[in-house]
C-alpha atoms as a PDB file:
ATOM      1  CA  MET A   1      -0.473  -7.313   8.781  1.00  0.00           C
ATOM      2  CA  GLY A   2       2.731  -8.328   7.044  1.00  0.00           C
ATOM      3  CA  ASN A   3       3.136  -7.838   3.312  1.00  0.00           C
ATOM      4  CA  SER A   4       3.827 -11.540   2.789  1.00  0.00           C
ATOM      5  CA  LEU A   5       0.514 -12.471   4.396  1.00  0.00           C
ATOM      6  CA  LYS A   6      -1.286  -9.836   2.360  1.00  0.00           C
ATOM      7  CA  ALA A   7       0.279 -11.206  -0.819  1.00  0.00           C
ATOM      8  CA  VAL A   8      -1.042 -14.708  -0.062  1.00  0.00           C
ATOM      9  CA  ILE A   9      -4.524 -13.507   0.862  1.00  0.00           C
ATOM     10  CA  ALA A  10      -4.676 -11.329  -2.258  1.00  0.00           C
ATOM     11  CA  PHE A  11      -4.808 -14.491  -4.393  1.00  0.00           C
ATOM     12  CA  VAL A  12      -8.046 -15.587  -2.672  1.00  0.00           C
ATOM     13  CA  PRO A  13     -11.021 -13.842  -4.301  1.00  0.00           C
ATOM     14  CA  SER A  14     -13.527 -14.496  -1.477  1.00  0.00           C
ATOM     15  CA  ASN A  15     -15.283 -11.497   0.035  1.00  0.00           C
ATOM     16  CA  GLU A  16     -13.940 -12.397   3.466  1.00  0.00           C
ATOM     17  CA  CYS A  17     -10.332 -12.255   2.292  1.00  0.00           C
ATOM     18  CA  GLN A  18     -10.817  -9.035   0.404  1.00  0.00           C
ATOM     19  CA  LYS A  19     -12.454  -7.504   3.475  1.00  0.00           C
ATOM     20  CA  TYR A  20      -9.412  -8.563   5.480  1.00  0.00           C
ATOM     21  CA  LEU A  21      -7.157  -6.695   3.044  1.00  0.00           C
ATOM     22  CA  LEU A  22      -9.309  -3.593   3.361  1.00  0.00           C
ATOM     23  CA  GLU A  23      -9.156  -3.723   7.138  1.00  0.00           C
ATOM     24  CA  ASP A  24     -12.927  -3.322   7.521  1.00  0.00           C
ATOM     25  CA  LEU A  25     -13.365  -0.255   5.323  1.00  0.00           C
ATOM     26  CA  GLU A  26     -17.143  -0.362   5.075  1.00  0.00           C
ATOM     27  CA  GLU A  27     -18.210   3.278   4.942  1.00  0.00           C
ATOM     28  CA  MET A  28     -16.878   6.251   3.062  1.00  0.00           C
ATOM     29  CA  PRO A  29     -14.522   8.302   5.236  1.00  0.00           C
ATOM     30  CA  VAL A  30     -15.642  11.772   6.262  1.00  0.00           C
ATOM     31  CA  ASP A  31     -12.780  13.348   4.271  1.00  0.00           C
ATOM     32  CA  LYS A  32     -14.057  11.635   1.097  1.00  0.00           C
ATOM     33  CA  MET A  33     -10.676   9.973   0.546  1.00  0.00           C
ATOM     34  CA  VAL A  34      -9.851   6.279   0.316  1.00  0.00           C
ATOM     35  CA  ASP A  35      -6.206   5.196   0.363  1.00  0.00           C
ATOM     36  CA  LEU A  36      -5.708   1.530  -0.531  1.00  0.00           C
ATOM     37  CA  SER A  37      -2.058   1.880  -1.517  1.00  0.00           C
ATOM     38  CA  GLY A  38       0.234  -1.048  -0.843  1.00  0.00           C
ATOM     39  CA  ARG A  39      -2.530  -3.535   0.021  1.00  0.00           C
ATOM     40  CA  GLN A  40      -1.440  -6.198  -2.520  1.00  0.00           C
ATOM     41  CA  LEU A  41      -4.859  -5.841  -4.176  1.00  0.00           C
ATOM     42  CA  ARG A  42      -5.502  -7.734  -7.397  1.00  0.00           C
ATOM     43  CA  ARG A  43      -8.982  -6.335  -7.898  1.00  0.00           C
ATOM     44  CA  LEU A  44     -10.796  -3.258  -6.694  1.00  0.00           C
ATOM     45  CA  PRO A  45     -13.451  -4.138  -4.098  1.00  0.00           C
ATOM     46  CA  LEU A  46     -16.801  -3.294  -5.657  1.00  0.00           C
ATOM     47  CA  HIS A  47     -18.262  -1.682  -2.560  1.00  0.00           C
ATOM     48  CA  ILE A  48     -15.712   1.148  -2.954  1.00  0.00           C
ATOM     49  CA  CYS A  49     -17.614   2.106  -6.106  1.00  0.00           C
ATOM     50  CA  SER A  50     -20.690   2.769  -3.977  1.00  0.00           C
ATOM     51  CA  PHE A  51     -18.957   5.722  -2.294  1.00  0.00           C
ATOM     52  CA  ARG A  52     -20.422   8.100  -4.828  1.00  0.00           C
ATOM     53  CA  GLU A  53     -19.234  11.261  -3.095  1.00  0.00           C
ATOM     54  CA  LEU A  54     -15.615  10.058  -3.101  1.00  0.00           C
ATOM     55  CA  VAL A  55     -13.139  12.756  -4.187  1.00  0.00           C
ATOM     56  CA  LYS A  56      -9.747  11.028  -3.829  1.00  0.00           C
ATOM     57  CA  LEU A  57      -8.897   7.388  -4.501  1.00  0.00           C
ATOM     58  CA  TYR A  58      -5.343   6.123  -4.073  1.00  0.00           C
ATOM     59  CA  LEU A  59      -4.643   2.622  -5.443  1.00  0.00           C
ATOM     60  CA  SER A  60      -0.871   2.922  -5.782  1.00  0.00           C
ATOM     61  CA  ASP A  61       1.519   0.023  -5.288  1.00  0.00           C
ATOM     62  CA  ASN A  62      -0.853  -2.880  -5.772  1.00  0.00           C
ATOM     63  CA  ASN A  63      -1.168  -5.689  -8.325  1.00  0.00           C
ATOM     64  CA  LEU A  64      -4.032  -4.275 -10.352  1.00  0.00           C
ATOM     65  CA  ASN A  65      -4.291  -4.812 -14.110  1.00  0.00           C
ATOM     66  CA  HIS A  66      -7.965  -3.968 -14.608  1.00  0.00           C
ATOM     67  CA  LEU A  67     -10.764  -1.975 -12.999  1.00  0.00           C
ATOM     68  CA  PRO A  68     -14.470  -2.811 -12.733  1.00  0.00           C
ATOM     69  CA  PRO A  69     -17.028  -0.932 -14.868  1.00  0.00           C
ATOM     70  CA  GLU A  70     -18.752   0.069 -11.617  1.00  0.00           C
ATOM     71  CA  LEU A  71     -15.963   2.618 -11.098  1.00  0.00           C
ATOM     72  CA  GLU A  72     -17.991   4.882 -13.389  1.00  0.00           C
ATOM     73  CA  GLN A  73     -20.252   5.597 -10.431  1.00  0.00           C
ATOM     74  CA  LEU A  74     -17.535   7.771  -8.859  1.00  0.00           C
ATOM     75  CA  GLN A  75     -18.429  10.885 -10.822  1.00  0.00           C
ATOM     76  CA  ASN A  76     -17.126  13.237  -8.109  1.00  0.00           C
ATOM     77  CA  LEU A  77     -13.627  11.775  -8.169  1.00  0.00           C
ATOM     78  CA  GLN A  78     -10.924  14.408  -8.667  1.00  0.00           C
ATOM     79  CA  ILE A  79      -7.752  12.451  -7.853  1.00  0.00           C
ATOM     80  CA  LEU A  80      -7.030   8.889  -8.988  1.00  0.00           C
ATOM     81  CA  ALA A  81      -3.689   7.215  -8.321  1.00  0.00           C
ATOM     82  CA  LEU A  82      -2.992   4.029 -10.287  1.00  0.00           C
ATOM     83  CA  ASP A  83       0.805   4.209 -10.247  1.00  0.00           C
ATOM     84  CA  PHE A  84       2.986   1.212  -9.388  1.00  0.00           C
ATOM     85  CA  ASN A  85       0.563  -1.412 -10.669  1.00  0.00           C
ATOM     86  CA  ASN A  86       0.490  -3.842 -13.621  1.00  0.00           C
ATOM     87  CA  PHE A  87      -1.642  -1.999 -16.159  1.00  0.00           C
ATOM     88  CA  LYS A  88      -0.741  -2.748 -19.779  1.00  0.00           C
ATOM     89  CA  ALA A  89      -3.612  -0.574 -20.982  1.00  0.00           C
ATOM     90  CA  LEU A  90      -5.532   2.198 -19.294  1.00  0.00           C
ATOM     91  CA  PRO A  91      -9.004   0.871 -18.384  1.00  0.00           C
ATOM     92  CA  LEU A  92     -11.554   2.826 -20.404  1.00  0.00           C
ATOM     93  CA  VAL A  93     -13.740   3.286 -17.344  1.00  0.00           C
ATOM     94  CA  VAL A  94     -11.160   5.811 -16.085  1.00  0.00           C
ATOM     95  CA  CYS A  95     -12.036   8.036 -19.034  1.00  0.00           C
ATOM     96  CA  THR A  96     -15.633   8.273 -17.818  1.00  0.00           C
ATOM     97  CA  LEU A  97     -14.573  10.090 -14.624  1.00  0.00           C
ATOM     98  CA  LYS A  98     -15.050  13.558 -16.041  1.00  0.00           C
ATOM     99  CA  GLN A  99     -14.229  15.495 -12.868  1.00  0.00           C
ATOM    100  CA  LEU A 100     -10.706  14.087 -12.643  1.00  0.00           C
ATOM    101  CA  CYS A 101      -8.081  16.794 -12.133  1.00  0.00           C
ATOM    102  CA  ILE A 102      -5.077  14.616 -11.280  1.00  0.00           C
ATOM    103  CA  LEU A 103      -4.277  11.189 -12.733  1.00  0.00           C
ATOM    104  CA  TYR A 104      -1.250   9.119 -11.741  1.00  0.00           C
ATOM    105  CA  LEU A 105      -0.328   6.324 -14.162  1.00  0.00           C
ATOM    106  CA  GLY A 106       3.407   6.080 -13.554  1.00  0.00           C
ATOM    107  CA  ASN A 107       5.338   2.847 -13.140  1.00  0.00           C
ATOM    108  CA  ASN A 108       3.014   0.610 -15.102  1.00  0.00           C
ATOM    109  CA  LYS A 109       3.457  -1.132 -18.471  1.00  0.00           C
ATOM    110  CA  LEU A 110       1.585   1.279 -20.732  1.00  0.00           C
ATOM    111  CA  CYS A 111       2.644   1.458 -24.384  1.00  0.00           C
ATOM    112  CA  SER A 112      -0.152   3.825 -25.410  1.00  0.00           C
ATOM    113  CA  LEU A 113      -3.131   5.774 -24.113  1.00  0.00           C
ATOM    114  CA  PRO A 114      -6.697   5.451 -25.437  1.00  0.00           C
ATOM    115  CA  LEU A 115      -8.324   8.159 -27.515  1.00  0.00           C
ATOM    116  CA  GLU A 116     -11.065   8.283 -24.882  1.00  0.00           C
ATOM    117  CA  LEU A 117      -8.607  10.083 -22.603  1.00  0.00           C
ATOM    118  CA  ARG A 118      -9.699  13.280 -24.389  1.00  0.00           C
ATOM    119  CA  LEU A 119     -12.957  13.052 -22.448  1.00  0.00           C
ATOM    120  CA  LEU A 120     -11.131  14.108 -19.268  1.00  0.00           C
ATOM    121  CA  ARG A 121     -11.647  17.795 -19.957  1.00  0.00           C
ATOM    122  CA  ASN A 122     -10.784  18.888 -16.419  1.00  0.00           C
ATOM    123  CA  LEU A 123      -7.455  17.062 -16.185  1.00  0.00           C
ATOM    124  CA  LYS A 124      -4.687  19.384 -15.012  1.00  0.00           C
ATOM    125  CA  THR A 125      -1.960  16.946 -13.930  1.00  0.00           C
ATOM    126  CA  LEU A 126      -0.927  13.767 -15.747  1.00  0.00           C
ATOM    127  CA  TRP A 127       1.886  11.491 -14.581  1.00  0.00           C
ATOM    128  CA  ILE A 128       2.839   8.801 -17.104  1.00  0.00           C
ATOM    129  CA  GLU A 129       6.475   8.367 -16.095  1.00  0.00           C
ATOM    130  CA  SER A 130       8.242   4.986 -16.087  1.00  0.00           C
ATOM    131  CA  ASN A 131       6.079   3.243 -18.657  1.00  0.00           C
ATOM    132  CA  CYS A 132       6.838   1.801 -22.102  1.00  0.00           C
ATOM    133  CA  LEU A 133       5.916   4.797 -24.253  1.00  0.00           C
ATOM    134  CA  GLN A 134       8.019   5.209 -27.390  1.00  0.00           C
ATOM    135  CA  CYS A 135       6.152   8.341 -28.416  1.00  0.00           C
ATOM    136  CA  LEU A 136       3.967  10.782 -26.539  1.00  0.00           C
ATOM    137  CA  PRO A 137       0.350   9.841 -27.334  1.00  0.00           C
ATOM    138  CA  GLU A 138      -1.196  12.647 -29.369  1.00  0.00           C
ATOM    139  CA  VAL A 139      -4.375  12.420 -27.318  1.00  0.00           C
ATOM    140  CA  VAL A 140      -2.437  14.136 -24.520  1.00  0.00           C
ATOM    141  CA  CYS A 141      -2.382  17.232 -26.729  1.00  0.00           C
ATOM    142  CA  GLU A 142      -6.176  17.405 -26.487  1.00  0.00           C
ATOM    143  CA  LEU A 143      -6.183  17.897 -22.704  1.00  0.00           C
ATOM    144  CA  SER A 144      -6.656  21.639 -22.936  1.00  0.00           C
ATOM    145  CA  LEU A 145      -6.414  22.402 -19.192  1.00  0.00           C
ATOM    146  CA  LEU A 146      -3.278  20.349 -18.595  1.00  0.00           C
ATOM    147  CA  LYS A 147      -0.731  22.242 -16.469  1.00  0.00           C
ATOM    148  CA  THR A 148       1.738  19.520 -15.472  1.00  0.00           C
ATOM    149  CA  LEU A 149       2.969  16.634 -17.618  1.00  0.00           C
ATOM    150  CA  HIS A 150       5.428  14.128 -16.211  1.00  0.00           C
ATOM    151  CA  ALA A 151       6.582  11.770 -18.979  1.00  0.00           C
ATOM    152  CA  GLY A 152      10.052  10.918 -17.720  1.00  0.00           C
ATOM    153  CA  SER A 153      11.710   7.495 -17.880  1.00  0.00           C
ATOM    154  CA  ASN A 154      10.033   6.275 -21.039  1.00  0.00           C
ATOM    155  CA  ALA A 155      11.559   5.800 -24.502  1.00  0.00           C
ATOM    156  CA  LEU A 156      10.489   9.078 -26.116  1.00  0.00           C
ATOM    157  CA  ARG A 157      12.589  10.294 -29.056  1.00  0.00           C
ATOM    158  CA  THR A 158      10.421  13.225 -30.152  1.00  0.00           C
ATOM    159  CA  LEU A 159       7.378  15.227 -29.100  1.00  0.00           C
ATOM    160  CA  PRO A 160       4.355  15.889 -31.342  1.00  0.00           C
ATOM    161  CA  ALA A 161       3.969  19.377 -32.798  1.00  0.00           C
ATOM    162  CA  GLN A 162       0.399  19.441 -31.478  1.00  0.00           C
ATOM    163  CA  LEU A 163       1.778  19.813 -27.959  1.00  0.00           C
ATOM    164  CA  GLN A 164       2.001  23.583 -28.445  1.00  0.00           C
ATOM    165  CA  SER A 165      -1.793  23.740 -28.366  1.00  0.00           C
ATOM    166  CA  LEU A 166      -1.621  23.107 -24.602  1.00  0.00           C
ATOM    167  CA  GLN A 167      -1.468  26.754 -23.648  1.00  0.00           C
ATOM    168  CA  GLU A 168      -2.124  26.021 -19.958  1.00  0.00           C
ATOM    169  CA  LEU A 169       0.920  23.750 -19.710  1.00  0.00           C
ATOM    170  CA  ARG A 170       3.497  25.146 -17.315  1.00  0.00           C
ATOM    171  CA  THR A 171       5.686  22.202 -16.327  1.00  0.00           C
ATOM    172  CA  ILE A 172       7.002  19.351 -18.459  1.00  0.00           C
ATOM    173  CA  TRP A 173       9.274  16.610 -17.141  1.00  0.00           C
ATOM    174  CA  LEU A 174      11.073  14.567 -19.822  1.00  0.00           C
ATOM    175  CA  SER A 175      14.084  13.211 -17.949  1.00  0.00           C
ATOM    176  CA  GLY A 176      15.389   9.751 -18.707  1.00  0.00           C
ATOM    177  CA  ASN A 177      14.139   9.456 -22.289  1.00  0.00           C
ATOM    178  CA  LEU A 178      15.891   9.010 -25.653  1.00  0.00           C
ATOM    179  CA  LEU A 179      15.794  12.584 -26.948  1.00  0.00           C
ATOM    180  CA  SER A 180      18.734  13.224 -29.266  1.00  0.00           C
ATOM    181  CA  GLU A 181      17.786  16.858 -29.825  1.00  0.00           C
ATOM    182  CA  PHE A 182      15.943  19.467 -27.822  1.00  0.00           C
ATOM    183  CA  PRO A 183      12.262  19.075 -28.822  1.00  0.00           C
ATOM    184  CA  PRO A 184      11.561  21.893 -31.313  1.00  0.00           C
ATOM    185  CA  VAL A 185       7.934  22.202 -30.231  1.00  0.00           C
ATOM    186  CA  LEU A 186       9.038  23.464 -26.809  1.00  0.00           C
ATOM    187  CA  LEU A 187      10.574  26.512 -28.508  1.00  0.00           C
ATOM    188  CA  ASP A 188       7.059  27.566 -29.522  1.00  0.00           C
ATOM    189  CA  MET A 189       5.616  27.316 -26.015  1.00  0.00           C
ATOM    190  CA  PRO A 190       6.361  30.689 -24.360  1.00  0.00           C
ATOM    191  CA  PHE A 191       4.098  29.893 -21.401  1.00  0.00           C
ATOM    192  CA  LEU A 192       6.300  27.041 -20.106  1.00  0.00           C
ATOM    193  CA  GLU A 193       7.843  27.674 -16.680  1.00  0.00           C
ATOM    194  CA  VAL A 194       9.775  24.444 -16.044  1.00  0.00           C
ATOM    195  CA  ILE A 195      11.480  22.251 -18.645  1.00  0.00           C
ATOM    196  CA  ASP A 196      13.289  19.105 -17.528  1.00  0.00           C
ATOM    197  CA  VAL A 197      15.300  17.198 -20.158  1.00  0.00           C
ATOM    198  CA  ASP A 198      17.805  15.684 -17.737  1.00  0.00           C
ATOM    199  CA  ARG A 199      19.380  12.330 -18.682  1.00  0.00           C
ATOM    200  CA  ASN A 200      18.775  12.316 -22.424  1.00  0.00           C
ATOM    201  CA  SER A 201      21.157  12.319 -25.415  1.00  0.00           C
ATOM    202  CA  ILE A 202      20.965  15.983 -26.423  1.00  0.00           C
ATOM    203  CA  ARG A 203      24.252  17.289 -27.872  1.00  0.00           C
ATOM    204  CA  PHE A 204      23.268  20.860 -28.638  1.00  0.00           C
ATOM    205  CA  PHE A 205      20.843  23.282 -27.001  1.00  0.00           C
ATOM    206  CA  PRO A 206      19.151  26.109 -28.869  1.00  0.00           C
ATOM    207  CA  SER A 207      18.602  29.436 -27.147  1.00  0.00           C
ATOM    208  CA  LEU A 208      15.677  29.556 -24.746  1.00  0.00           C
ATOM    209  CA  ALA A 209      16.068  33.263 -24.052  1.00  0.00           C
ATOM    210  CA  HIS A 210      12.893  34.087 -25.980  1.00  0.00           C
ATOM    211  CA  LEU A 211      10.653  32.093 -23.607  1.00  0.00           C
ATOM    212  CA  PRO A 212       9.269  34.806 -21.281  1.00  0.00           C
ATOM    213  CA  GLY A 213       7.612  32.433 -18.814  1.00  0.00           C
ATOM    214  CA  LEU A 214      10.608  30.176 -18.245  1.00  0.00           C
ATOM    215  CA  LYS A 215      11.826  29.941 -14.644  1.00  0.00           C
ATOM    216  CA  LEU A 216      13.824  26.704 -14.560  1.00  0.00           C
ATOM    217  CA  VAL A 217      15.491  24.452 -17.127  1.00  0.00           C
ATOM    218  CA  ILE A 218      17.151  21.185 -16.092  1.00  0.00           C
ATOM    219  CA  TYR A 219      19.468  19.798 -18.768  1.00  0.00           C
ATOM    220  CA  ASP A 220      22.083  17.900 -16.763  1.00  0.00           C
ATOM    221  CA  HIS A 221      23.474  14.502 -17.816  1.00  0.00           C
ATOM    222  CA  ASN A 222      23.341  15.185 -21.549  1.00  0.00           C
ATOM    223  CA  PRO A 223      26.390  14.954 -23.848  1.00  0.00           C
ATOM    224  CA  CYS A 224      25.902  18.622 -24.752  1.00  0.00           C
ATOM    225  CA  ARG A 225      28.500  20.981 -26.216  1.00  0.00           C
ATOM    226  CA  ASN A 226      26.823  24.059 -24.758  1.00  0.00           C
ATOM    227  CA  ALA A 227      24.366  25.252 -22.172  1.00  0.00           C
ATOM    228  CA  PRO A 228      21.043  26.728 -23.286  1.00  0.00           C
ATOM    229  CA  LYS A 229      20.968  30.512 -23.300  1.00  0.00           C
ATOM    230  CA  VAL A 230      18.205  31.816 -21.076  1.00  0.00           C
ATOM    231  CA  ALA A 231      16.791  35.171 -20.061  1.00  0.00           C
ATOM    232  CA  LYS A 232      17.977  36.938 -16.928  1.00  0.00           C
ATOM    233  CA  GLY A 233      16.659  35.355 -13.754  1.00  0.00           C
ATOM    234  CA  VAL A 234      16.042  31.919 -15.236  1.00  0.00           C
ATOM    235  CA  ARG A 235      17.681  29.141 -13.273  1.00  0.00           C
ATOM    236  CA  ARG A 236      19.666  26.479 -15.137  1.00  0.00           C
ATOM    237  CA  VAL A 237      20.750  23.111 -13.746  1.00  0.00           C
ATOM    238  CA  GLY A 238      23.520  21.491 -15.767  1.00  0.00           C
ATOM    239  CA  ARG A 239      27.023  22.018 -17.105  1.00  0.00           C
ATOM    240  CA  TRP A 240      28.269  25.630 -17.165  1.00  0.00           C
ATOM    241  CA  SER A 241      24.996  26.732 -15.586  1.00  0.00           C
ATOM    242  CA  GLU A 242      26.675  29.359 -13.408  1.00  0.00           C
ATOM    243  CA  GLU A 243      28.869  30.639 -16.220  1.00  0.00           C
ATOM    244  CA  THR A 244      28.398  31.746 -19.789  1.00  0.00           C
ATOM    245  CA  PRO A 245      26.581  29.272 -22.060  1.00  0.00           C
ATOM    246  CA  GLU A 246      29.935  28.019 -23.362  1.00  0.00           C
ATOM    247  CA  PRO A 247      32.854  26.765 -21.240  1.00  0.00           C
ATOM    248  CA  ARG A 248      35.552  29.280 -20.390  1.00  0.00           C
ATOM    249  CA  LYS A 249      38.889  29.075 -22.176  1.00  0.00           C
ATOM    250  CA  ARG A 250      42.222  29.769 -20.543  1.00  0.00           C
ATOM    251  CA  SER A 251      45.497  29.389 -22.380  1.00  0.00           C
ATOM    252  CA  GLY A 252      43.849  27.194 -24.955  1.00  0.00           C
ATOM    253  CA  ALA A 253      42.463  24.795 -22.367  1.00  0.00           C
ATOM    254  CA  VAL A 254      38.735  24.279 -21.921  1.00  0.00           C
ATOM    255  CA  ILE A 255      37.562  24.376 -18.329  1.00  0.00           C
ATOM    256  CA  GLU A 256      34.179  22.798 -17.691  1.00  0.00           C
ATOM    257  CA  ILE A 257      32.087  24.456 -15.023  1.00  0.00           C
ATOM    258  CA  THR A 258      29.801  22.065 -13.166  1.00  0.00           C
ATOM    259  CA  LEU A 259      27.081  22.637 -10.597  1.00  0.00           C
ATOM    260  CA  ASP A 260      27.454  20.969  -7.231  1.00  0.00           C
ATOM    261  CA  GLU A 261      23.795  20.742  -6.418  1.00  0.00           C
ATOM    262  CA  LYS A 262      21.596  18.014  -7.823  1.00  0.00           C
ATOM    263  CA  PRO A 263      18.726  18.646 -10.256  1.00  0.00           C
ATOM    264  CA  LEU A 264      15.412  19.237  -8.588  1.00  0.00           C
ATOM    265  CA  PRO A 265      13.167  16.166  -8.950  1.00  0.00           C
ATOM    266  CA  PRO A 266       9.421  16.408  -9.471  1.00  0.00           C
ATOM    267  CA  PRO A 267       7.513  16.865  -6.208  1.00  0.00           C
ATOM    268  CA  ALA A 268       7.638  13.739  -4.068  1.00  0.00           C
ATOM    269  CA  ALA A 269       4.269  14.449  -2.517  1.00  0.00           C
ATOM    270  CA  LYS A 270       1.262  14.089  -4.740  1.00  0.00           C
ATOM    271  CA  PRO A 271      -0.338  17.500  -5.275  1.00  0.00           C
ATOM    272  CA  GLU A 272      -3.881  18.453  -4.526  1.00  0.00           C
ATOM    273  CA  PRO A 273      -6.171  19.803  -7.266  1.00  0.00           C
ATOM    274  CA  GLU A 274      -5.982  23.558  -7.677  1.00  0.00           C
END
C-alpha cells in the first residue's frame, strides 16, 4: 500500500478503513510485539488495547496527537515508541503503564512533561530528543532507575541540580542544545560513563579527570578554548582530543589538532529492556 493512499484513508475514521491500515491485525502476535510504525495513523485502534499481554508497542512515524484511555489495559507493556508523531503533551494514560522500561518520545512537539511521569518507576531509558524543551523537566530527576537519557536537539540552557540524584544514570546525550557552559551538575555524577555535549555553545571545559566511571566524552562543535581533561583510558571526541588538553604551540603559532573520525551518535537501533 502506498503512503499516499494510506494518508488519504487515515482521514476516514470508519472501522473498515482503520482495519485496512492495520492490514488485518486482529490477534496479538506470538512475540507479544505490535509494530504500527509508519501507518499514517491518526488514532490508535482500540482493539490493540485488548492485547493485554503485549510487551512492545511501536507507534513511531504516524500522525498521533492523543491516545485512548483504554491504553491503560496494557499493564505488561515494557517498550512504547511514540517518536515522530504530533504530540504537544504526553498523554497521561502513558504514565499508568507502570512496567515501562523504555519510552521513546523524540521528534514531537513537547514543551514539558507531566508530573505523573514519576509514576513510571521502572523506566530505564527515556528519549525526548528533538522536542521543544527549554529546560529539562525536573520530574525526570525522579526516575530513580533511569540509565539512559537522550535530550539532544532541544533548547536546553542548563540542567537541574536534582539530576545528580539519578545514581543509575550512565549515559546522557545533550547534543544540539543551547548550553553556554558545561553543566555543573554533571561534575557531581561520578557514575556517568558517556557524556555527549556536541553542538552546543560551550567555550570552556572544566576537568573531568575526577569522574571514575567516565568512558567517553563527546564535545565536538563547541567554540571551546580547551579540551576537557580526562583520566587515562577515557576517550574524547573533539578538538585536540588526541593531544594535550590545550593546543600545541610552535614558534608562537597555535596548531589546532582535530580528530578525523565523526562523533559517535546514539544507537540507531532501539534497545531492548535489560
